[in-house]
Amino acid sequence: MAQAGVAEPEEGTPRRAQYDLCVNALVLDAWDRRDISFVGTSTAENPSFRRLLNQLKLTKPDVSNLDTSGSGGG
């Protein structure tokens, strides 16, 4: 999921529940398609999975306001 732009959220948060749901959907999709070979055809992506992934991407915590300069503020 990190390659998709979604970092793993902290345990016990609503974002973590959505994250886990996305991971489970990916695993189940891979399991369902384990023996299928697609030659010359395109497969359709699950629209509910895509909406959930987009929501996680668009609602990620904003880290741009954090002081990462290492100066310690003084």
PDB file of N, CA and C in Angstrom:
ATOM      1  N   MET A   1       0.824  -1.181   0.000  1.00  0.00           N
ATOM      2  CA  MET A   1       0.000   0.000   0.000  1.00  0.00           C
ATOM      3  C   MET A   1       0.875   1.255   0.000  1.00  0.00           C
ATOM      4  N   ALA A   2       2.084   1.149   0.519  1.00  0.00           N
ATOM      5  CA  ALA A   2       2.968   2.311   0.528  1.00  0.00           C
ATOM      6  C   ALA A   2       3.302   2.736  -0.900  1.00  0.00           C
ATOM      7  N   GLN A   3       3.414   1.777  -1.801  1.00  0.00           N
ATOM      8  CA  GLN A   3       3.690   2.109  -3.196  1.00  0.00           C
ATOM      9  C   GLN A   3       2.504   2.788  -3.858  1.00  0.00           C
ATOM     10  N   ALA A   4       1.332   2.610  -3.294  1.00  0.00           N
ATOM     11  CA  ALA A   4       0.132   3.265  -3.817  1.00  0.00           C
ATOM     12  C   ALA A   4      -0.071   4.645  -3.200  1.00  0.00           C
ATOM     13  N   GLY A   5       0.820   5.052  -2.302  1.00  0.00           N
ATOM     14  CA  GLY A   5       0.716   6.368  -1.692  1.00  0.00           C
ATOM     15  C   GLY A   5      -0.025   6.392  -0.377  1.00  0.00           C
ATOM     16  N   VAL A   6      -0.205   5.214   0.250  1.00  0.00           N
ATOM     17  CA  VAL A   6      -0.918   5.147   1.516  1.00  0.00           C
ATOM     18  C   VAL A   6      -0.016   4.480   2.549  1.00  0.00           C
ATOM     19  N   ALA A   7       0.418   5.252   3.533  1.00  0.00           N
ATOM     20  CA  ALA A   7       1.229   4.704   4.611  1.00  0.00           C
ATOM     21  C   ALA A   7       0.340   3.990   5.620  1.00  0.00           C
ATOM     22  N   GLU A   8       0.926   3.054   6.345  1.00  0.00           N
ATOM     23  CA  GLU A   8       0.168   2.298   7.336  1.00  0.00           C
ATOM     24  C   GLU A   8      -0.176   3.188   8.526  1.00  0.00           C
ATOM     25  N   PRO A   9      -1.483   3.376   8.801  1.00  0.00           N
ATOM     26  CA  PRO A   9      -1.900   4.228   9.928  1.00  0.00           C
ATOM     27  C   PRO A   9      -1.672   3.530  11.270  1.00  0.00           C
ATOM     28  N   GLU A  10      -1.792   4.310  12.345  1.00  0.00           N
ATOM     29  CA  GLU A  10      -1.649   3.764  13.691  1.00  0.00           C
ATOM     30  C   GLU A  10      -2.823   2.859  14.022  1.00  0.00           C
ATOM     31  N   GLU A  11      -2.569   1.900  14.924  1.00  0.00           N
ATOM     32  CA  GLU A  11      -3.614   0.976  15.380  1.00  0.00           C
ATOM     33  C   GLU A  11      -4.738   1.725  16.086  1.00  0.00           C
ATOM     34  N   GLY A  12      -5.963   1.223  15.950  1.00  0.00           N
ATOM     35  CA  GLY A  12      -7.095   1.757  16.683  1.00  0.00           C
ATOM     36  C   GLY A  12      -7.726   3.004  16.114  1.00  0.00           C
ATOM     37  N   THR A  13      -7.335   3.423  14.914  1.00  0.00           N
ATOM     38  CA  THR A  13      -7.913   4.615  14.300  1.00  0.00           C
ATOM     39  C   THR A  13      -8.887   4.199  13.201  1.00  0.00           C
ATOM     40  N   PRO A  14      -9.834   5.064  12.868  1.00  0.00           N
ATOM     41  CA  PRO A  14     -10.747   4.751  11.767  1.00  0.00           C
ATOM     42  C   PRO A  14      -9.997   4.552  10.435  1.00  0.00           C
ATOM     43  N   ARG A  15      -8.911   5.297  10.240  1.00  0.00           N
ATOM     44  CA  ARG A  15      -8.109   5.117   9.017  1.00  0.00           C
ATOM     45  C   ARG A  15      -7.488   3.728   8.975  1.00  0.00           C
ATOM     46  N   ARG A  16      -7.128   3.186  10.134  1.00  0.00           N
ATOM     47  CA  ARG A  16      -6.533   1.845  10.170  1.00  0.00           C
ATOM     48  C   ARG A  16      -7.556   0.801   9.750  1.00  0.00           C
ATOM     49  N   ALA A  17      -8.804   0.988  10.151  1.00  0.00           N
ATOM     50  CA  ALA A  17      -9.853   0.053   9.749  1.00  0.00           C
ATOM     51  C   ALA A  17     -10.028   0.075   8.230  1.00  0.00           C
ATOM     52  N   GLN A  18     -10.020   1.253   7.626  1.00  0.00           N
ATOM     53  CA  GLN A  18     -10.126   1.363   6.169  1.00  0.00           C
ATOM     54  C   GLN A  18      -8.903   0.757   5.495  1.00  0.00           C
ATOM     55  N   TYR A  19      -7.743   1.003   6.056  1.00  0.00           N
ATOM     56  CA  TYR A  19      -6.493   0.461   5.522  1.00  0.00           C
ATOM     57  C   TYR A  19      -6.538  -1.074   5.525  1.00  0.00           C
ATOM     58  N   ASP A  20      -6.950  -1.646   6.665  1.00  0.00           N
ATOM     59  CA  ASP A  20      -7.048  -3.098   6.772  1.00  0.00           C
ATOM     60  C   ASP A  20      -8.059  -3.665   5.778  1.00  0.00           C
ATOM     61  N   LEU A  21      -9.148  -2.940   5.570  1.00  0.00           N
ATOM     62  CA  LEU A  21     -10.152  -3.374   4.606  1.00  0.00           C
ATOM     63  C   LEU A  21      -9.578  -3.407   3.190  1.00  0.00           C
ATOM     64  N   CYS A  22      -8.787  -2.408   2.842  1.00  0.00           N
ATOM     65  CA  CYS A  22      -8.142  -2.385   1.527  1.00  0.00           C
ATOM     66  C   CYS A  22      -7.153  -3.538   1.376  1.00  0.00           C
ATOM     67  N   VAL A  23      -6.367  -3.778   2.400  1.00  0.00           N
ATOM     68  CA  VAL A  23      -5.401  -4.879   2.355  1.00  0.00           C
ATOM     69  C   VAL A  23      -6.137  -6.208   2.193  1.00  0.00           C
ATOM     70  N   ASN A  24      -7.205  -6.400   2.945  1.00  0.00           N
ATOM     71  CA  ASN A  24      -7.988  -7.630   2.825  1.00  0.00           C
ATOM     72  C   ASN A  24      -8.574  -7.783   1.425  1.00  0.00           C
ATOM     73  N   ALA A  25      -9.044  -6.695   0.834  1.00  0.00           N
ATOM     74  CA  ALA A  25      -9.604  -6.752  -0.520  1.00  0.00           C
ATOM     75  C   ALA A  25      -8.531  -7.148  -1.535  1.00  0.00           C
ATOM     76  N   LEU A  26      -7.326  -6.621  -1.366  1.00  0.00           N
ATOM     77  CA  LEU A  26      -6.232  -6.980  -2.270  1.00  0.00           C
ATOM     78  C   LEU A  26      -5.880  -8.462  -2.151  1.00  0.00           C
ATOM     79  N   VAL A  27      -5.838  -8.961  -0.926  1.00  0.00           N
ATOM     80  CA  VAL A  27      -5.505 -10.367  -0.701  1.00  0.00           C
ATOM     81  C   VAL A  27      -6.587 -11.269  -1.298  1.00  0.00           C
ATOM     82  N   LEU A  28      -7.840 -10.943  -1.048  1.00  0.00           N
ATOM     83  CA  LEU A  28      -8.929 -11.764  -1.575  1.00  0.00           C
ATOM     84  C   LEU A  28      -8.979 -11.735  -3.101  1.00  0.00           C
ATOM     85  N   ASP A  29      -8.712 -10.578  -3.686  1.00  0.00           N
ATOM     86  CA  ASP A  29      -8.683 -10.473  -5.139  1.00  0.00           C
ATOM     87  C   ASP A  29      -7.557 -11.326  -5.721  1.00  0.00           C
ATOM     88  N   ALA A  30      -6.391 -11.258  -5.101  1.00  0.00           N
ATOM     89  CA  ALA A  30      -5.271 -12.076  -5.570  1.00  0.00           C
ATOM     90  C   ALA A  30      -5.592 -13.563  -5.417  1.00  0.00           C
ATOM     91  N   TRP A  31      -6.256 -13.927  -4.343  1.00  0.00           N
ATOM     92  CA  TRP A  31      -6.614 -15.324  -4.128  1.00  0.00           C
ATOM     93  C   TRP A  31      -7.635 -15.788  -5.165  1.00  0.00           C
ATOM     94  N   ASP A  32      -8.623 -14.961  -5.454  1.00  0.00           N
ATOM     95  CA  ASP A  32      -9.642 -15.324  -6.437  1.00  0.00           C
ATOM     96  C   ASP A  32      -9.064 -15.494  -7.832  1.00  0.00           C
ATOM     97  N   ARG A  33      -8.031 -14.754  -8.143  1.00  0.00           N
ATOM     98  CA  ARG A  33      -7.450 -14.782  -9.487  1.00  0.00           C
ATOM     99  C   ARG A  33      -6.164 -15.605  -9.571  1.00  0.00           C
ATOM    100  N   ARG A  34      -5.898 -16.447  -8.598  1.00  0.00           N
ATOM    101  CA  ARG A  34      -4.625 -17.145  -8.522  1.00  0.00           C
ATOM    102  C   ARG A  34      -4.383 -18.098  -9.686  1.00  0.00           C
ATOM    103  N   ASP A  35      -5.411 -18.673 -10.255  1.00  0.00           N
ATOM    104  CA  ASP A  35      -5.237 -19.638 -11.341  1.00  0.00           C
ATOM    105  C   ASP A  35      -5.632 -19.102 -12.703  1.00  0.00           C
ATOM    106  N   ILE A  36      -6.006 -17.855 -12.759  1.00  0.00           N
ATOM    107  CA  ILE A  36      -6.495 -17.279 -14.007  1.00  0.00           C
ATOM    108  C   ILE A  36      -5.339 -16.617 -14.747  1.00  0.00           C
ATOM    109  N   SER A  37      -5.237 -16.919 -16.017  1.00  0.00           N
ATOM    110  CA  SER A  37      -4.256 -16.200 -16.829  1.00  0.00           C
ATOM    111  C   SER A  37      -5.020 -15.370 -17.853  1.00  0.00           C
ATOM    112  N   PHE A  38      -4.647 -14.123 -17.951  1.00  0.00           N
ATOM    113  CA  PHE A  38      -5.313 -13.202 -18.860  1.00  0.00           C
ATOM    114  C   PHE A  38      -4.397 -12.944 -20.046  1.00  0.00           C
ATOM    115  N   VAL A  39      -4.838 -13.382 -21.206  1.00  0.00           N
ATOM    116  CA  VAL A  39      -4.064 -13.162 -22.418  1.00  0.00           C
ATOM    117  C   VAL A  39      -4.889 -12.285 -23.344  1.00  0.00           C
ATOM    118  N   GLY A  40      -4.410 -11.081 -23.578  1.00  0.00           N
ATOM    119  CA  GLY A  40      -5.082 -10.186 -24.513  1.00  0.00           C
ATOM    120  C   GLY A  40      -6.377  -9.586 -24.015  1.00  0.00           C
ATOM    121  N   THR A  41      -6.677  -9.718 -22.747  1.00  0.00           N
ATOM    122  CA  THR A  41      -7.898  -9.122 -22.205  1.00  0.00           C
ATOM    123  C   THR A  41      -7.530  -8.213 -21.044  1.00  0.00           C
ATOM    124  N   SER A  42      -8.384  -7.265 -20.770  1.00  0.00           N
ATOM    125  CA  SER A  42      -8.167  -6.408 -19.607  1.00  0.00           C
ATOM    126  C   SER A  42      -9.151  -6.803 -18.512  1.00  0.00           C
ATOM    127  N   THR A  43      -8.727  -6.632 -17.281  1.00  0.00           N
ATOM    128  CA  THR A  43      -9.592  -6.966 -16.157  1.00  0.00           C
ATOM    129  C   THR A  43     -10.131  -5.680 -15.547  1.00  0.00           C
ATOM    130  N   ALA A  44     -11.311  -5.763 -14.993  1.00  0.00           N
ATOM    131  CA  ALA A  44     -11.942  -4.601 -14.365  1.00  0.00           C
ATOM    132  C   ALA A  44     -11.544  -4.542 -12.899  1.00  0.00           C
ATOM    133  N   GLU A  45     -11.236  -3.351 -12.448  1.00  0.00           N
ATOM    134  CA  GLU A  45     -10.896  -3.152 -11.044  1.00  0.00           C
ATOM    135  C   GLU A  45     -12.176  -2.973 -10.240  1.00  0.00           C
ATOM    136  N   ASN A  46     -12.154  -3.417  -9.012  1.00  0.00           N
ATOM    137  CA  ASN A  46     -13.298  -3.294  -8.127  1.00  0.00           C
ATOM    138  C   ASN A  46     -13.530  -1.811  -7.802  1.00  0.00           C
ATOM    139  N   PRO A  47     -14.666  -1.236  -8.200  1.00  0.00           N
ATOM    140  CA  PRO A  47     -14.900   0.194  -7.976  1.00  0.00           C
ATOM    141  C   PRO A  47     -14.994   0.568  -6.493  1.00  0.00           C
ATOM    142  N   SER A  48     -15.516  -0.300  -5.646  1.00  0.00           N
ATOM    143  CA  SER A  48     -15.605   0.041  -4.227  1.00  0.00           C
ATOM    144  C   SER A  48     -14.214   0.056  -3.586  1.00  0.00           C
ATOM    145  N   PHE A  49     -13.334  -0.835  -4.036  1.00  0.00           N
ATOM    146  CA  PHE A  49     -11.961  -0.813  -3.551  1.00  0.00           C
ATOM    147  C   PHE A  49     -11.269   0.478  -3.974  1.00  0.00           C
ATOM    148  N   ARG A  50     -11.466   0.884  -5.232  1.00  0.00           N
ATOM    149  CA  ARG A  50     -10.824   2.102  -5.736  1.00  0.00           C
ATOM    150  C   ARG A  50     -11.298   3.328  -4.965  1.00  0.00           C
ATOM    151  N   ARG A  51     -12.605   3.396  -4.645  1.00  0.00           N
ATOM    152  CA  ARG A  51     -13.126   4.528  -3.874  1.00  0.00           C
ATOM    153  C   ARG A  51     -12.512   4.572  -2.474  1.00  0.00           C
ATOM    154  N   LEU A  52     -12.394   3.410  -1.847  1.00  0.00           N
ATOM    155  CA  LEU A  52     -11.819   3.351  -0.508  1.00  0.00           C
ATOM    156  C   LEU A  52     -10.342   3.735  -0.530  1.00  0.00           C
ATOM    157  N   LEU A  53      -9.603   3.270  -1.521  1.00  0.00           N
ATOM    158  CA  LEU A  53      -8.195   3.624  -1.644  1.00  0.00           C
ATOM    159  C   LEU A  53      -8.026   5.124  -1.898  1.00  0.00           C
ATOM    160  N   ASN A  54      -8.853   5.678  -2.766  1.00  0.00           N
ATOM    161  CA  ASN A  54      -8.799   7.120  -3.028  1.00  0.00           C
ATOM    162  C   ASN A  54      -9.119   7.929  -1.771  1.00  0.00           C
ATOM    163  N   GLN A  55     -10.089   7.459  -0.988  1.00  0.00           N
ATOM    164  CA  GLN A  55     -10.431   8.158   0.246  1.00  0.00           C
ATOM    165  C   GLN A  55      -9.240   8.149   1.202  1.00  0.00           C
ATOM    166  N   LEU A  56      -8.543   7.028   1.298  1.00  0.00           N
ATOM    167  CA  LEU A  56      -7.365   6.966   2.162  1.00  0.00           C
ATOM    168  C   LEU A  56      -6.276   7.910   1.674  1.00  0.00           C
ATOM    169  N   LYS A  57      -6.105   7.993   0.370  1.00  0.00           N
ATOM    170  CA  LYS A  57      -5.084   8.887  -0.189  1.00  0.00           C
ATOM    171  C   LYS A  57      -5.425  10.349   0.070  1.00  0.00           C
ATOM    172  N   LEU A  58      -6.685  10.700  -0.109  1.00  0.00           N
ATOM    173  CA  LEU A  58      -7.095  12.096   0.003  1.00  0.00           C
ATOM    174  C   LEU A  58      -7.255  12.575   1.441  1.00  0.00           C
ATOM    175  N   THR A  59      -7.358  11.667   2.390  1.00  0.00           N
ATOM    176  CA  THR A  59      -7.549  12.058   3.784  1.00  0.00           C
ATOM    177  C   THR A  59      -6.334  11.748   4.638  1.00  0.00           C
ATOM    178  N   LYS A  60      -5.180  11.509   4.011  1.00  0.00           N
ATOM    179  CA  LYS A  60      -3.991  11.191   4.815  1.00  0.00           C
ATOM    180  C   LYS A  60      -3.599  12.413   5.637  1.00  0.00           C
ATOM    181  N   PRO A  61      -3.049  12.170   6.815  1.00  0.00           N
ATOM    182  CA  PRO A  61      -2.646  13.291   7.687  1.00  0.00           C
ATOM    183  C   PRO A  61      -1.632  14.180   6.981  1.00  0.00           C
ATOM    184  N   ASP A  62      -1.779  15.475   7.182  1.00  0.00           N
ATOM    185  CA  ASP A  62      -0.898  16.453   6.543  1.00  0.00           C
ATOM    186  C   ASP A  62       0.373  16.564   7.379  1.00  0.00           C
ATOM    187  N   VAL A  63       1.491  16.130   6.800  1.00  0.00           N
ATOM    188  CA  VAL A  63       2.769  16.196   7.519  1.00  0.00           C
ATOM    189  C   VAL A  63       3.593  17.398   7.065  1.00  0.00           C
ATOM    190  N   SER A  64       3.067  18.200   6.153  1.00  0.00           N
ATOM    191  CA  SER A  64       3.812  19.337   5.655  1.00  0.00           C
ATOM    192  C   SER A  64       3.964  20.447   6.704  1.00  0.00           C
ATOM    193  N   ASN A  65       3.084  20.476   7.711  1.00  0.00           N
ATOM    194  CA  ASN A  65       3.157  21.513   8.738  1.00  0.00           C
ATOM    195  C   ASN A  65       4.087  21.144   9.884  1.00  0.00           C
ATOM    196  N   LEU A  66       4.600  19.929   9.889  1.00  0.00           N
ATOM    197  CA  LEU A  66       5.487  19.515  10.969  1.00  0.00           C
ATOM    198  C   LEU A  66       6.885  20.078  10.746  1.00  0.00           C
ATOM    199  N   ASP A  67       7.554  20.402  11.829  1.00  0.00           N
ATOM    200  CA  ASP A  67       8.924  20.916  11.746  1.00  0.00           C
ATOM    201  C   ASP A  67       9.869  19.735  11.608  1.00  0.00           C
ATOM    202  N   THR A  68      10.395  19.519  10.428  1.00  0.00           N
ATOM    203  CA  THR A  68      11.324  18.421  10.173  1.00  0.00           C
ATOM    204  C   THR A  68      12.723  18.917   9.951  1.00  0.00           C
ATOM    205  N   SER A  69      12.995  20.179  10.294  1.00  0.00           N
ATOM    206  CA  SER A  69      14.317  20.756  10.043  1.00  0.00           C
ATOM    207  C   SER A  69      15.348  20.283  11.054  1.00  0.00           C
ATOM    208  N   GLY A  70      14.892  19.791  12.212  1.00  0.00           N
ATOM    209  CA  GLY A  70      15.803  19.315  13.227  1.00  0.00           C
ATOM    210  C   GLY A  70      16.392  20.425  14.086  1.00  0.00           C
ATOM    211  N   SER A  71      15.915  21.667  13.913  1.00  0.00           N
ATOM    212  CA  SER A  71      16.476  22.787  14.677  1.00  0.00           C
ATOM    213  C   SER A  71      15.958  22.832  16.109  1.00  0.00           C
ATOM    214  N   GLY A  72      14.874  22.144  16.374  1.00  0.00           N
ATOM    215  CA  GLY A  72      14.328  22.121  17.726  1.00  0.00           C
ATOM    216  C   GLY A  72      13.605  23.388  18.135  1.00  0.00           C
ATOM    217  N   GLY A  73      13.362  24.288  17.200  1.00  0.00           N
ATOM    218  CA  GLY A  73      12.581  25.473  17.470  1.00  0.00           C
ATOM    219  C   GLY A  73      13.313  26.557  18.244  1.00  0.00           C
ATOM    220  N   GLY A  74      14.627  26.467  18.346  1.00  0.00           N
ATOM    221  CA  GLY A  74      15.220  27.518  19.129  1.00  0.00           C
ATOM    222  C   GLY A  74      16.576  27.834  18.695  1.00  0.00           C
TER     223      GLY A  74
END
